[in-house]
N, C-alpha and C. Protein backbone atom coordinates (compact mmCIF):
# COMPACT_ATOMS: atom_id res chain seq x y z
N MET A 1 -28.06 20.80 -20.38
CA MET A 1 -28.49 22.02 -21.02
C MET A 1 -29.08 22.29 -22.03
N THR A 2 -30.05 23.47 -22.25
CA THR A 2 -31.21 23.48 -22.77
C THR A 2 -31.12 24.68 -23.67
N LYS A 3 -30.69 24.55 -24.71
CA LYS A 3 -30.51 25.85 -25.40
C LYS A 3 -31.85 26.20 -26.74
N ILE A 4 -32.14 27.50 -25.78
CA ILE A 4 -33.38 28.52 -26.79
C ILE A 4 -33.32 29.58 -27.85
N PHE A 5 -33.97 28.92 -28.89
CA PHE A 5 -33.45 30.71 -29.90
C PHE A 5 -34.69 30.95 -29.29
N ALA A 6 -34.18 32.88 -29.46
CA ALA A 6 -35.61 33.26 -29.36
C ALA A 6 -35.28 34.59 -30.48
N ALA A 7 -36.55 34.98 -30.45
CA ALA A 7 -36.64 36.06 -31.70
C ALA A 7 -38.26 36.98 -31.51
N GLY A 8 -38.10 38.27 -32.27
CA GLY A 8 -38.99 38.39 -32.69
C GLY A 8 -39.49 40.22 -33.24
N ASP A 9 -40.47 40.25 -33.42
CA ASP A 9 -40.37 42.05 -34.47
C ASP A 9 -39.89 41.46 -35.82
N ILE A 10 -41.08 40.51 -36.66
CA ILE A 10 -39.82 39.73 -37.67
C ILE A 10 -40.26 40.83 -38.60
N HIS A 11 -41.79 41.01 -37.80
CA HIS A 11 -42.74 41.93 -39.28
C HIS A 11 -42.83 41.82 -40.29
N GLY A 12 -42.91 40.31 -40.63
CA GLY A 12 -43.60 39.74 -42.36
C GLY A 12 -42.25 39.44 -43.15
N ASP A 13 -40.77 39.36 -42.53
CA ASP A 13 -39.99 39.44 -43.67
C ASP A 13 -39.31 38.23 -43.72
N THR A 14 -39.52 37.66 -44.95
CA THR A 14 -39.55 36.31 -44.96
C THR A 14 -38.39 35.58 -45.15
N GLY A 15 -37.36 36.97 -45.53
CA GLY A 15 -35.91 36.50 -46.36
C GLY A 15 -35.08 36.25 -44.43
N LEU A 16 -35.81 37.01 -43.50
CA LEU A 16 -35.08 36.87 -42.10
C LEU A 16 -35.16 35.82 -42.05
N VAL A 17 -36.83 35.68 -41.66
CA VAL A 17 -37.42 34.22 -41.22
C VAL A 17 -36.43 33.02 -42.35
N LYS A 18 -35.92 32.93 -43.03
CA LYS A 18 -35.25 31.62 -43.20
C LYS A 18 -34.32 31.82 -42.89
N LYS A 19 -32.72 33.26 -43.37
CA LYS A 19 -32.32 33.54 -42.06
C LYS A 19 -32.13 32.68 -41.11
N LEU A 20 -32.82 32.88 -39.72
CA LEU A 20 -33.30 32.27 -38.58
C LEU A 20 -32.99 30.65 -38.46
N ALA A 21 -34.33 30.88 -38.95
CA ALA A 21 -34.33 29.35 -39.17
C ALA A 21 -33.33 28.49 -39.12
N LYS A 22 -32.16 29.06 -39.64
CA LYS A 22 -31.19 28.16 -40.86
C LYS A 22 -30.14 28.64 -39.36
N LYS A 23 -30.05 29.71 -38.49
CA LYS A 23 -28.84 29.78 -37.43
C LYS A 23 -29.60 28.49 -36.87
N ALA A 24 -31.32 28.45 -36.23
CA ALA A 24 -31.71 27.66 -35.28
C ALA A 24 -31.26 26.39 -35.22
N LYS A 25 -31.12 25.91 -36.87
CA LYS A 25 -31.04 24.31 -36.97
C LYS A 25 -29.54 24.25 -36.68
N LYS A 26 -28.18 24.59 -37.45
CA LYS A 26 -26.99 25.24 -37.39
C LYS A 26 -26.61 25.21 -35.57
N GLU A 27 -27.62 26.02 -34.88
CA GLU A 27 -26.98 25.41 -33.94
C GLU A 27 -27.26 24.61 -32.72
N ASN A 28 -28.83 24.12 -33.80
CA ASN A 28 -28.98 22.65 -33.07
C ASN A 28 -29.85 22.91 -31.76
N VAL A 29 -30.25 23.86 -31.60
CA VAL A 29 -31.87 24.09 -30.69
C VAL A 29 -32.60 23.53 -30.55
N ASP A 30 -32.67 23.56 -29.67
CA ASP A 30 -33.98 22.65 -29.24
C ASP A 30 -36.13 22.79 -28.59
N LEU A 31 -35.46 24.10 -28.67
CA LEU A 31 -36.51 25.68 -28.71
C LEU A 31 -36.82 26.50 -29.24
N ILE A 32 -37.88 26.99 -29.78
CA ILE A 32 -38.10 27.85 -30.53
C ILE A 32 -38.63 29.19 -29.86
N ILE A 33 -39.10 30.54 -29.73
CA ILE A 33 -39.76 31.61 -28.90
C ILE A 33 -39.57 32.75 -29.86
N LEU A 34 -40.77 32.82 -30.43
CA LEU A 34 -41.14 33.99 -31.24
C LEU A 34 -42.53 34.41 -30.62
N ALA A 35 -41.15 36.18 -30.03
CA ALA A 35 -42.13 36.60 -28.83
C ALA A 35 -43.15 37.78 -30.19
N GLY A 36 -43.51 38.12 -30.86
CA GLY A 36 -44.76 38.80 -31.27
C GLY A 36 -44.10 39.51 -32.01
N ASP A 37 -45.25 39.98 -32.92
CA ASP A 37 -44.99 40.85 -34.33
C ASP A 37 -44.18 40.24 -34.66
N LEU A 38 -44.87 39.28 -35.42
CA LEU A 38 -44.46 37.96 -36.16
C LEU A 38 -45.22 38.80 -38.10
N THR A 39 -46.27 39.53 -37.69
CA THR A 39 -46.21 40.08 -39.12
C THR A 39 -46.35 42.03 -39.14
N PHE A 40 -46.47 42.46 -40.45
CA PHE A 40 -46.37 43.72 -40.03
C PHE A 40 -48.19 44.35 -40.36
N PHE A 41 -48.59 44.36 -39.47
CA PHE A 41 -50.38 44.94 -39.18
C PHE A 41 -51.18 43.80 -39.98
N GLU A 42 -50.80 42.12 -40.73
CA GLU A 42 -51.10 41.22 -40.31
C GLU A 42 -51.28 40.88 -41.78
N ASN A 43 -50.55 41.99 -43.06
CA ASN A 43 -50.70 42.16 -44.19
C ASN A 43 -49.94 40.87 -44.63
N ASN A 44 -49.01 39.62 -44.12
CA ASN A 44 -48.95 38.39 -45.28
C ASN A 44 -48.62 37.20 -43.27
N ILE A 45 -49.18 35.96 -43.81
CA ILE A 45 -49.15 35.28 -42.24
C ILE A 45 -48.26 33.95 -43.82
N GLN A 46 -48.04 34.07 -44.80
CA GLN A 46 -47.42 32.80 -44.98
C GLN A 46 -46.60 32.84 -44.47
N ASN A 47 -45.46 31.79 -44.84
CA ASN A 47 -44.07 31.29 -44.32
C ASN A 47 -43.36 32.23 -42.82
N LEU A 48 -44.20 32.82 -42.21
CA LEU A 48 -43.71 33.19 -41.17
C LEU A 48 -43.14 32.42 -39.98
N VAL A 49 -44.02 30.68 -39.85
CA VAL A 49 -44.22 29.75 -38.86
C VAL A 49 -43.76 28.59 -39.42
N GLY A 50 -43.28 27.82 -41.32
CA GLY A 50 -43.10 26.90 -41.01
C GLY A 50 -41.72 26.29 -41.19
N PRO A 51 -40.69 28.01 -41.74
CA PRO A 51 -39.59 27.11 -41.74
C PRO A 51 -39.01 26.86 -40.59
N PHE A 52 -39.53 27.37 -39.41
CA PHE A 52 -39.56 27.35 -37.79
C PHE A 52 -39.37 25.78 -37.19
N THR A 53 -41.33 24.92 -37.84
CA THR A 53 -41.43 24.62 -37.71
C THR A 53 -41.04 22.69 -38.51
N GLU A 54 -40.15 23.61 -39.36
CA GLU A 54 -39.52 22.55 -40.57
C GLU A 54 -38.74 21.92 -38.86
N LEU A 55 -38.37 22.16 -38.67
CA LEU A 55 -36.41 21.91 -37.55
C LEU A 55 -37.30 21.02 -36.61
N LYS A 56 -38.72 20.48 -36.67
CA LYS A 56 -38.92 19.57 -35.80
C LYS A 56 -38.50 19.48 -34.31
N LYS A 57 -38.76 20.95 -33.48
CA LYS A 57 -38.43 21.40 -32.58
C LYS A 57 -40.15 22.16 -32.64
N PRO A 58 -40.41 22.16 -31.20
CA PRO A 58 -41.48 23.05 -30.44
C PRO A 58 -41.01 24.57 -30.32
N VAL A 59 -42.05 25.33 -30.87
CA VAL A 59 -42.45 26.74 -31.46
C VAL A 59 -42.78 27.50 -30.31
N LEU A 60 -42.44 28.01 -29.78
CA LEU A 60 -43.38 29.28 -29.16
C LEU A 60 -43.71 30.39 -29.56
N LEU A 61 -45.84 30.70 -29.94
CA LEU A 61 -45.19 31.25 -30.62
C LEU A 61 -46.30 32.82 -29.54
N LEU A 62 -46.26 34.55 -29.66
CA LEU A 62 -46.84 35.37 -28.85
C LEU A 62 -47.09 36.11 -30.23
N HIS A 63 -48.49 36.87 -30.31
CA HIS A 63 -48.62 38.17 -30.33
C HIS A 63 -48.18 39.05 -30.35
N GLY A 64 -47.44 40.00 -30.94
CA GLY A 64 -47.84 41.47 -30.45
C GLY A 64 -48.49 42.06 -31.07
N ASN A 65 -48.14 43.35 -30.84
CA ASN A 65 -49.19 44.66 -31.56
C ASN A 65 -49.89 44.71 -32.51
N HIS A 66 -48.37 44.01 -33.88
CA HIS A 66 -48.90 44.44 -34.58
C HIS A 66 -49.73 42.60 -35.53
N GLU A 67 -50.15 42.21 -35.06
CA GLU A 67 -51.01 40.62 -35.48
C GLU A 67 -52.15 40.62 -34.06
N SER A 68 -53.43 40.26 -33.99
CA SER A 68 -54.17 39.50 -32.81
C SER A 68 -53.99 37.97 -32.71
N ILE A 69 -54.61 38.26 -31.48
CA ILE A 69 -54.03 36.39 -30.42
C ILE A 69 -55.40 35.31 -31.57
N ALA A 70 -56.42 35.17 -32.91
CA ALA A 70 -56.91 34.95 -33.27
C ALA A 70 -55.96 34.40 -34.46
N THR A 71 -54.58 36.00 -34.60
CA THR A 71 -54.30 35.51 -36.08
C THR A 71 -52.77 33.59 -35.70
N ILE A 72 -52.79 34.06 -34.47
CA ILE A 72 -51.45 33.09 -33.52
C ILE A 72 -52.22 32.49 -33.07
N ASP A 73 -53.14 31.57 -33.19
CA ASP A 73 -54.22 30.72 -32.88
C ASP A 73 -54.29 30.19 -34.29
N PHE A 74 -54.42 30.68 -34.81
CA PHE A 74 -54.26 30.00 -36.84
C PHE A 74 -53.20 29.45 -36.98
N LEU A 75 -52.35 30.44 -36.32
CA LEU A 75 -50.92 29.84 -37.40
C LEU A 75 -50.78 28.18 -36.37
N SER A 76 -50.65 29.00 -35.02
CA SER A 76 -50.18 27.46 -33.91
C SER A 76 -51.30 26.41 -34.38
N ALA A 77 -52.64 26.29 -35.28
CA ALA A 77 -53.45 25.57 -35.53
C ALA A 77 -52.75 24.69 -36.42
N ILE A 78 -52.43 25.55 -37.68
CA ILE A 78 -51.73 25.08 -39.09
C ILE A 78 -50.84 24.21 -38.62
N TYR A 79 -49.66 24.80 -38.24
CA TYR A 79 -48.16 24.11 -37.62
C TYR A 79 -48.17 22.93 -36.18
N ALA A 80 -49.08 22.83 -35.94
CA ALA A 80 -49.39 22.23 -35.01
C ALA A 80 -48.85 20.13 -35.00
N PRO A 81 -48.17 19.56 -34.54
CA PRO A 81 -47.89 19.96 -33.04
C PRO A 81 -46.80 20.35 -32.54
N GLU A 82 -46.18 21.36 -33.58
CA GLU A 82 -44.73 22.10 -33.09
C GLU A 82 -44.89 23.41 -32.90
N ALA A 83 -46.14 24.14 -33.49
CA ALA A 83 -46.76 25.20 -32.57
C ALA A 83 -47.28 25.38 -31.55
N LYS A 84 -47.19 26.48 -30.58
CA LYS A 84 -48.38 26.58 -29.61
C LYS A 84 -47.74 27.99 -29.02
N ASN A 85 -49.54 27.87 -29.10
CA ASN A 85 -49.29 29.72 -28.72
C ASN A 85 -49.06 29.64 -27.06
N LEU A 86 -48.21 30.25 -26.86
CA LEU A 86 -47.98 30.79 -25.11
C LEU A 86 -48.73 31.40 -24.20
N HIS A 87 -49.71 32.53 -25.04
CA HIS A 87 -50.61 33.48 -24.48
C HIS A 87 -51.41 33.05 -23.65
N GLY A 88 -50.66 33.37 -22.29
CA GLY A 88 -52.29 32.59 -20.30
C GLY A 88 -51.66 30.98 -21.04
N TYR A 89 -50.93 30.05 -21.65
CA TYR A 89 -50.18 29.32 -21.15
C TYR A 89 -49.12 28.73 -21.09
N SER A 90 -48.41 27.78 -21.23
CA SER A 90 -47.05 27.49 -20.19
C SER A 90 -46.85 25.89 -20.91
N LEU A 91 -45.60 25.74 -20.18
CA LEU A 91 -44.68 24.34 -20.99
C LEU A 91 -43.71 24.37 -19.99
N ILE A 92 -44.33 22.57 -20.61
CA ILE A 92 -42.54 22.81 -19.12
C ILE A 92 -41.25 21.12 -20.13
N THR A 93 -40.43 22.14 -21.13
CA THR A 93 -39.11 20.63 -21.75
C THR A 93 -39.15 19.78 -20.94
N LYS A 94 -39.02 18.95 -21.94
CA LYS A 94 -37.97 17.59 -21.40
C LYS A 94 -37.03 17.60 -20.41
N ASP A 95 -36.37 18.56 -20.25
CA ASP A 95 -35.25 19.49 -19.18
C ASP A 95 -35.77 20.03 -17.86
N ASN A 96 -37.39 20.11 -17.85
CA ASN A 96 -37.58 20.63 -17.01
C ASN A 96 -38.02 21.92 -16.52
N ILE A 97 -38.05 22.39 -17.87
CA ILE A 97 -37.57 23.67 -18.04
C ILE A 97 -39.24 24.64 -17.69
N GLY A 98 -39.76 25.04 -17.09
CA GLY A 98 -41.49 25.68 -17.53
C GLY A 98 -41.45 26.88 -17.78
N ILE A 99 -42.01 27.63 -19.24
CA ILE A 99 -41.91 28.69 -19.87
C ILE A 99 -43.17 29.67 -19.95
N PHE A 100 -43.85 30.27 -19.72
CA PHE A 100 -45.10 30.75 -19.37
C PHE A 100 -44.94 32.32 -20.18
N GLY A 101 -46.00 32.64 -20.35
CA GLY A 101 -46.17 33.63 -21.24
C GLY A 101 -47.58 34.74 -21.14
N ALA A 102 -47.30 35.77 -22.07
CA ALA A 102 -48.33 36.48 -22.37
C ALA A 102 -47.77 37.51 -23.78
N GLY A 103 -49.16 37.62 -24.69
CA GLY A 103 -48.36 38.45 -25.79
C GLY A 103 -49.18 39.74 -25.97
N GLY A 104 -48.77 40.50 -26.93
CA GLY A 104 -49.75 41.60 -27.03
C GLY A 104 -49.06 43.23 -26.34
N ALA A 105 -49.41 44.19 -26.67
CA ALA A 105 -48.63 45.36 -25.80
C ALA A 105 -50.23 46.55 -25.47
N ASP A 106 -49.76 47.38 -25.00
CA ASP A 106 -51.19 48.68 -24.46
C ASP A 106 -51.07 49.28 -26.22
N PHE A 107 -50.90 48.57 -26.72
CA PHE A 107 -51.95 49.51 -27.97
C PHE A 107 -52.01 48.57 -29.15
N GLY A 108 -52.55 48.49 -30.46
CA GLY A 108 -52.55 48.20 -31.44
C GLY A 108 -53.49 47.38 -32.22
N ILE A 109 -53.17 45.73 -32.58
CA ILE A 109 -54.29 45.02 -32.42
C ILE A 109 -54.76 44.42 -31.27
N ASN A 110 -55.30 44.57 -31.39
CA ASN A 110 -56.11 43.50 -29.21
C ASN A 110 -55.04 44.52 -28.40
N PRO A 111 -54.96 46.24 -28.22
CA PRO A 111 -54.41 46.42 -27.05
C PRO A 111 -55.06 45.19 -25.70
N MET A 112 -54.04 45.34 -24.59
CA MET A 112 -53.70 44.67 -23.52
C MET A 112 -53.80 45.87 -22.57
N SER A 113 -55.01 45.66 -21.23
CA SER A 113 -54.27 46.56 -20.13
C SER A 113 -53.46 45.88 -18.90
N GLU A 114 -53.17 46.94 -18.79
CA GLU A 114 -52.67 45.87 -16.82
C GLU A 114 -53.73 44.72 -16.52
N LYS A 115 -54.78 45.21 -16.31
CA LYS A 115 -55.25 44.02 -15.70
C LYS A 115 -55.20 42.70 -16.68
N ASP A 116 -55.17 42.83 -17.70
CA ASP A 116 -55.20 42.07 -18.86
C ASP A 116 -53.95 41.24 -19.11
N PHE A 117 -52.49 42.07 -18.88
CA PHE A 117 -51.84 41.67 -18.57
C PHE A 117 -51.26 40.24 -17.50
N PHE A 118 -51.42 41.00 -15.94
CA PHE A 118 -51.38 39.89 -15.01
C PHE A 118 -52.32 38.83 -14.74
N LYS A 119 -53.92 38.73 -15.65
CA LYS A 119 -54.49 37.41 -15.72
C LYS A 119 -54.22 37.28 -16.72
N THR A 120 -53.65 37.40 -17.66
CA THR A 120 -53.52 36.34 -18.36
C THR A 120 -51.80 35.45 -18.56
N LEU A 121 -51.02 36.54 -17.31
CA LEU A 121 -49.58 35.82 -16.62
C LEU A 121 -49.95 34.68 -15.51
N GLU A 122 -50.77 35.49 -14.71
CA GLU A 122 -51.13 34.32 -13.84
C GLU A 122 -51.72 33.58 -14.19
N LYS A 123 -52.55 33.06 -15.06
CA LYS A 123 -52.91 32.08 -15.74
C LYS A 123 -52.38 31.67 -16.83
N ALA A 124 -51.51 31.60 -16.95
CA ALA A 124 -49.88 30.64 -17.95
C ALA A 124 -49.25 30.29 -16.37
N TYR A 125 -48.89 30.78 -15.60
CA TYR A 125 -48.32 30.41 -14.58
C TYR A 125 -48.96 28.90 -13.54
N LYS A 126 -49.85 29.24 -13.62
CA LYS A 126 -51.11 28.28 -12.77
C LYS A 126 -49.82 26.85 -13.49
N GLY A 127 -50.39 26.43 -14.64
CA GLY A 127 -50.30 25.97 -15.57
C GLY A 127 -48.28 25.15 -14.87
N LEU A 128 -47.33 25.42 -14.28
CA LEU A 128 -46.22 24.93 -13.60
C LEU A 128 -46.34 25.07 -12.21
N LYS A 129 -47.43 25.11 -11.26
CA LYS A 129 -47.83 25.36 -9.86
C LYS A 129 -47.47 23.87 -9.51
N GLY A 130 -47.04 23.31 -7.94
CA GLY A 130 -46.81 22.02 -8.53
C GLY A 130 -46.11 21.18 -9.04
N LYS A 131 -45.74 21.68 -9.71
CA LYS A 131 -44.81 20.74 -10.92
C LYS A 131 -43.14 21.21 -10.35
N LYS A 132 -42.17 19.79 -10.71
CA LYS A 132 -41.32 19.80 -10.46
C LYS A 132 -39.90 20.75 -11.58
N ILE A 133 -39.81 21.88 -11.36
CA ILE A 133 -39.41 23.45 -12.47
C ILE A 133 -37.88 22.98 -11.63
N LYS A 134 -36.80 23.35 -12.83
CA LYS A 134 -35.72 23.36 -12.55
C LYS A 134 -35.86 25.07 -12.81
N LYS A 135 -35.87 25.14 -13.23
CA LYS A 135 -36.10 26.83 -13.95
C LYS A 135 -36.76 27.40 -14.54
N LYS A 136 -37.48 28.79 -14.85
CA LYS A 136 -38.23 29.32 -14.18
C LYS A 136 -38.39 30.37 -16.07
N ILE A 137 -38.56 30.15 -17.77
CA ILE A 137 -38.76 31.50 -17.89
C ILE A 137 -40.06 32.02 -18.48
N MET A 138 -40.02 33.13 -18.15
CA MET A 138 -41.38 34.05 -18.76
C MET A 138 -41.36 34.87 -19.84
N VAL A 139 -41.95 34.56 -20.45
CA VAL A 139 -41.83 35.64 -22.15
C VAL A 139 -43.27 36.42 -22.66
N THR A 140 -42.74 37.58 -22.73
CA THR A 140 -44.26 38.22 -23.06
C THR A 140 -43.28 39.47 -24.05
N HIS A 141 -44.57 39.87 -24.96
CA HIS A 141 -43.83 40.69 -26.31
C HIS A 141 -43.80 42.06 -25.47
N MET A 142 -44.40 42.41 -24.96
CA MET A 142 -43.93 43.69 -23.91
C MET A 142 -42.67 43.65 -23.08
N HIS A 143 -42.33 44.49 -23.12
CA HIS A 143 -41.08 45.20 -21.58
C HIS A 143 -41.67 45.74 -20.27
N PRO A 144 -41.23 45.41 -19.25
CA PRO A 144 -41.21 45.77 -18.39
C PRO A 144 -41.23 47.26 -17.52
N PHE A 145 -41.81 47.57 -16.59
CA PHE A 145 -42.06 48.72 -16.15
C PHE A 145 -40.77 49.21 -15.23
N GLN A 146 -39.83 50.10 -15.71
CA GLN A 146 -39.39 50.59 -14.81
C GLN A 146 -37.29 49.58 -15.42
N SER A 147 -37.27 48.54 -16.83
CA SER A 147 -36.92 48.46 -17.54
C SER A 147 -35.68 49.41 -18.11
N LYS A 148 -34.31 48.94 -19.27
CA LYS A 148 -33.87 49.26 -19.53
C LYS A 148 -34.50 49.66 -20.68
N ALA A 149 -35.50 48.90 -20.97
CA ALA A 149 -36.11 49.71 -22.44
C ALA A 149 -37.45 50.93 -22.82
N GLU A 150 -37.43 51.61 -21.47
CA GLU A 150 -37.96 52.41 -20.97
C GLU A 150 -36.62 54.07 -21.72
N PHE A 151 -35.57 53.46 -21.79
CA PHE A 151 -34.97 54.32 -22.94
C PHE A 151 -35.89 54.70 -24.27
N SER A 152 -36.59 53.56 -24.43
CA SER A 152 -36.47 54.11 -25.65
C SER A 152 -38.17 54.90 -25.81
N GLY A 153 -38.37 55.69 -24.85
CA GLY A 153 -39.93 56.42 -25.03
C GLY A 153 -40.86 55.69 -23.96
N PHE A 154 -40.68 54.20 -24.50
CA PHE A 154 -41.84 54.52 -23.69
C PHE A 154 -41.82 53.46 -22.79
N GLU A 155 -43.02 53.55 -22.37
CA GLU A 155 -43.03 52.88 -21.05
C GLU A 155 -43.63 51.33 -20.75
N GLY A 156 -43.15 50.51 -19.64
CA GLY A 156 -43.15 49.05 -19.39
C GLY A 156 -44.49 48.44 -18.94
N SER A 157 -44.65 48.30 -19.05
CA SER A 157 -46.08 47.18 -18.17
C SER A 157 -45.65 46.80 -16.77
N LYS A 158 -46.93 47.61 -15.77
CA LYS A 158 -46.07 47.62 -14.75
C LYS A 158 -46.57 46.34 -14.28
N SER A 159 -48.18 45.97 -14.91
CA SER A 159 -48.42 44.31 -14.26
C SER A 159 -47.46 42.98 -14.28
N ILE A 160 -46.62 43.45 -15.76
CA ILE A 160 -45.50 42.27 -16.20
C ILE A 160 -44.37 41.95 -15.01
N LYS A 161 -44.52 43.95 -14.62
CA LYS A 161 -43.25 43.84 -13.14
C LYS A 161 -43.71 42.74 -12.15
N LYS A 162 -45.10 43.37 -12.40
CA LYS A 162 -45.92 42.93 -10.71
C LYS A 162 -45.41 41.23 -10.80
N ALA A 163 -45.70 41.23 -12.61
CA ALA A 163 -46.10 39.27 -12.48
C ALA A 163 -44.26 38.96 -12.02
N ILE A 164 -43.49 38.77 -12.89
CA ILE A 164 -42.03 39.10 -12.41
C ILE A 164 -41.67 39.53 -10.70
N ASN A 165 -41.98 39.81 -9.92
CA ASN A 165 -41.80 40.19 -8.42
C ASN A 165 -42.67 38.73 -7.91
N LEU A 166 -43.59 38.46 -8.30
CA LEU A 166 -44.90 37.26 -8.02
C LEU A 166 -43.71 35.83 -8.04
N PHE A 167 -43.80 35.86 -9.10
CA PHE A 167 -43.69 34.60 -9.31
C PHE A 167 -42.21 33.91 -10.50
N LYS A 168 -41.50 35.31 -9.76
CA LYS A 168 -40.06 35.12 -9.29
C LYS A 168 -39.29 34.15 -11.00
N PRO A 169 -39.56 34.68 -12.16
CA PRO A 169 -38.79 33.52 -13.33
C PRO A 169 -37.44 33.80 -12.96
N ASP A 170 -36.13 32.70 -13.86
CA ASP A 170 -34.75 33.23 -13.23
C ASP A 170 -35.05 33.86 -14.67
N ILE A 171 -35.49 33.48 -16.17
CA ILE A 171 -35.71 34.53 -16.88
C ILE A 171 -36.90 35.22 -17.73
N MET A 172 -36.43 36.40 -17.86
CA MET A 172 -38.01 37.15 -18.46
C MET A 172 -36.88 37.99 -19.97
N ILE A 173 -38.58 36.70 -21.13
CA ILE A 173 -37.49 37.19 -22.35
C ILE A 173 -38.77 38.84 -22.87
N SER A 174 -38.47 39.78 -23.60
CA SER A 174 -38.99 39.95 -24.09
C SER A 174 -38.65 41.27 -25.25
N GLY A 175 -39.52 41.32 -26.52
CA GLY A 175 -38.68 42.27 -27.34
C GLY A 175 -40.19 43.52 -27.17
N HIS A 176 -40.67 43.51 -28.69
CA HIS A 176 -41.52 45.21 -29.24
C HIS A 176 -40.21 46.46 -29.03
N ILE A 177 -39.31 46.71 -28.61
CA ILE A 177 -38.62 47.45 -28.03
C ILE A 177 -37.59 47.35 -29.48
N HIS A 178 -37.10 47.58 -30.87
CA HIS A 178 -36.42 47.55 -31.37
C HIS A 178 -35.33 48.22 -30.75
N GLU A 179 -34.85 48.41 -30.64
CA GLU A 179 -33.35 49.67 -30.74
C GLU A 179 -33.03 49.35 -28.66
N ALA A 180 -34.14 48.49 -28.81
CA ALA A 180 -33.35 47.38 -27.00
C ALA A 180 -33.15 46.39 -26.52
N GLU A 181 -33.30 45.55 -28.37
CA GLU A 181 -32.44 44.03 -28.78
C GLU A 181 -30.88 44.52 -28.39
N GLY A 182 -30.42 43.09 -27.23
CA GLY A 182 -29.74 42.98 -26.92
C GLY A 182 -29.49 43.35 -26.00
N ILE A 183 -30.16 44.30 -24.96
CA ILE A 183 -30.11 44.53 -23.74
C ILE A 183 -30.12 43.50 -22.67
N GLU A 184 -29.60 43.55 -21.85
CA GLU A 184 -30.33 42.95 -20.81
C GLU A 184 -29.82 43.14 -19.05
N ASP A 185 -31.23 42.84 -18.11
CA ASP A 185 -31.37 43.94 -17.19
C ASP A 185 -31.43 42.64 -15.74
N LYS A 186 -31.59 43.61 -14.96
CA LYS A 186 -32.67 42.33 -13.82
C LYS A 186 -33.44 43.20 -12.89
N ILE A 187 -34.12 42.40 -13.17
CA ILE A 187 -35.32 43.15 -11.59
C ILE A 187 -35.02 42.26 -10.56
N GLY A 188 -34.86 42.16 -9.45
CA GLY A 188 -34.73 41.45 -8.29
C GLY A 188 -33.61 40.20 -8.71
N LYS A 189 -33.56 38.46 -8.78
CA LYS A 189 -33.08 37.99 -9.26
C LYS A 189 -33.89 37.31 -10.69
N THR A 190 -33.96 38.53 -11.32
CA THR A 190 -34.81 37.48 -12.55
C THR A 190 -33.71 38.33 -13.61
N LYS A 191 -33.52 38.02 -14.48
CA LYS A 191 -32.69 38.30 -15.75
C LYS A 191 -33.97 39.10 -16.66
N ILE A 192 -33.19 39.89 -17.18
CA ILE A 192 -33.95 40.54 -18.21
C ILE A 192 -33.36 40.34 -19.53
N ILE A 193 -34.40 39.63 -20.75
CA ILE A 193 -33.16 39.49 -21.74
C ILE A 193 -34.19 40.55 -22.85
N GLN A 194 -33.77 41.40 -23.48
CA GLN A 194 -34.11 41.84 -24.48
C GLN A 194 -33.71 41.32 -25.95
N ILE A 195 -35.06 40.79 -27.22
CA ILE A 195 -34.68 40.24 -28.32
C ILE A 195 -34.88 40.13 -28.96
N GLY A 196 -34.87 40.45 -30.12
CA GLY A 196 -35.19 40.84 -31.01
C GLY A 196 -34.95 40.48 -32.63
N LYS A 197 -35.05 41.24 -34.14
CA LYS A 197 -35.04 40.46 -34.92
C LYS A 197 -33.66 39.71 -35.62
N LYS A 198 -32.59 39.65 -34.67
CA LYS A 198 -31.21 39.20 -34.84
C LYS A 198 -31.28 38.19 -33.82
N GLY A 199 -32.31 37.43 -33.79
CA GLY A 199 -32.29 36.51 -32.46
C GLY A 199 -31.59 36.11 -31.25
N LYS A 200 -31.53 35.72 -30.53
CA LYS A 200 -30.94 35.33 -29.26
C LYS A 200 -30.74 33.57 -29.10
N ILE A 201 -29.67 33.15 -28.88
CA ILE A 201 -29.56 31.99 -28.22
C ILE A 201 -29.26 32.02 -26.53
N ILE A 202 -30.47 31.53 -25.81
CA ILE A 202 -30.20 31.42 -24.59
C ILE A 202 -29.64 30.11 -23.70
N GLU A 203 -28.67 29.98 -23.09
CA GLU A 203 -28.81 28.14 -22.67
C GLU A 203 -29.21 28.28 -21.10
N ILE A 204 -29.42 27.53 -20.76
CA ILE A 204 -29.86 27.14 -19.98
C ILE A 204 -29.68 25.81 -18.68
């Protein structure tokens, strides 16, 4: 059993980061995923990742619509080797769980087009092809098209949904829609989990 702690939409709240890192430590998680919008329009990037990497567990990062890809690359470099930018890349855990992802949204800093989303997820997924994978997890900041998170009035990405249908992850994690935190859904056989600033333990 692999225990994952996933959170997003922290928006520069360093007090919240300390609470979330404390929770991750108490739960003795194997892996931490921060699915975008770590900052509030990049006003402050200090003490947003460090409390998690101090746990000496892998920390996977994505950019949201509030920060650039370059900012997440910078944070990943500073907090290496624990931190890794998952945008366009993949990771295989010691338990053979394959995780791949794409950050960003269709507006904000470094806006992503539908073509961008699919190409990035396709590139990330290639890192898992031909490997012995027990389960697959796809992580994005933005939510997929025709998912329950669209109750917010914000349409999801058609390319993210296309990637779900094509790559068939067992679990798909996304943030972005604050009001959707905690909502679970299904597209085909893929379980969709909306996460946010409260953080969620996912066991797989």
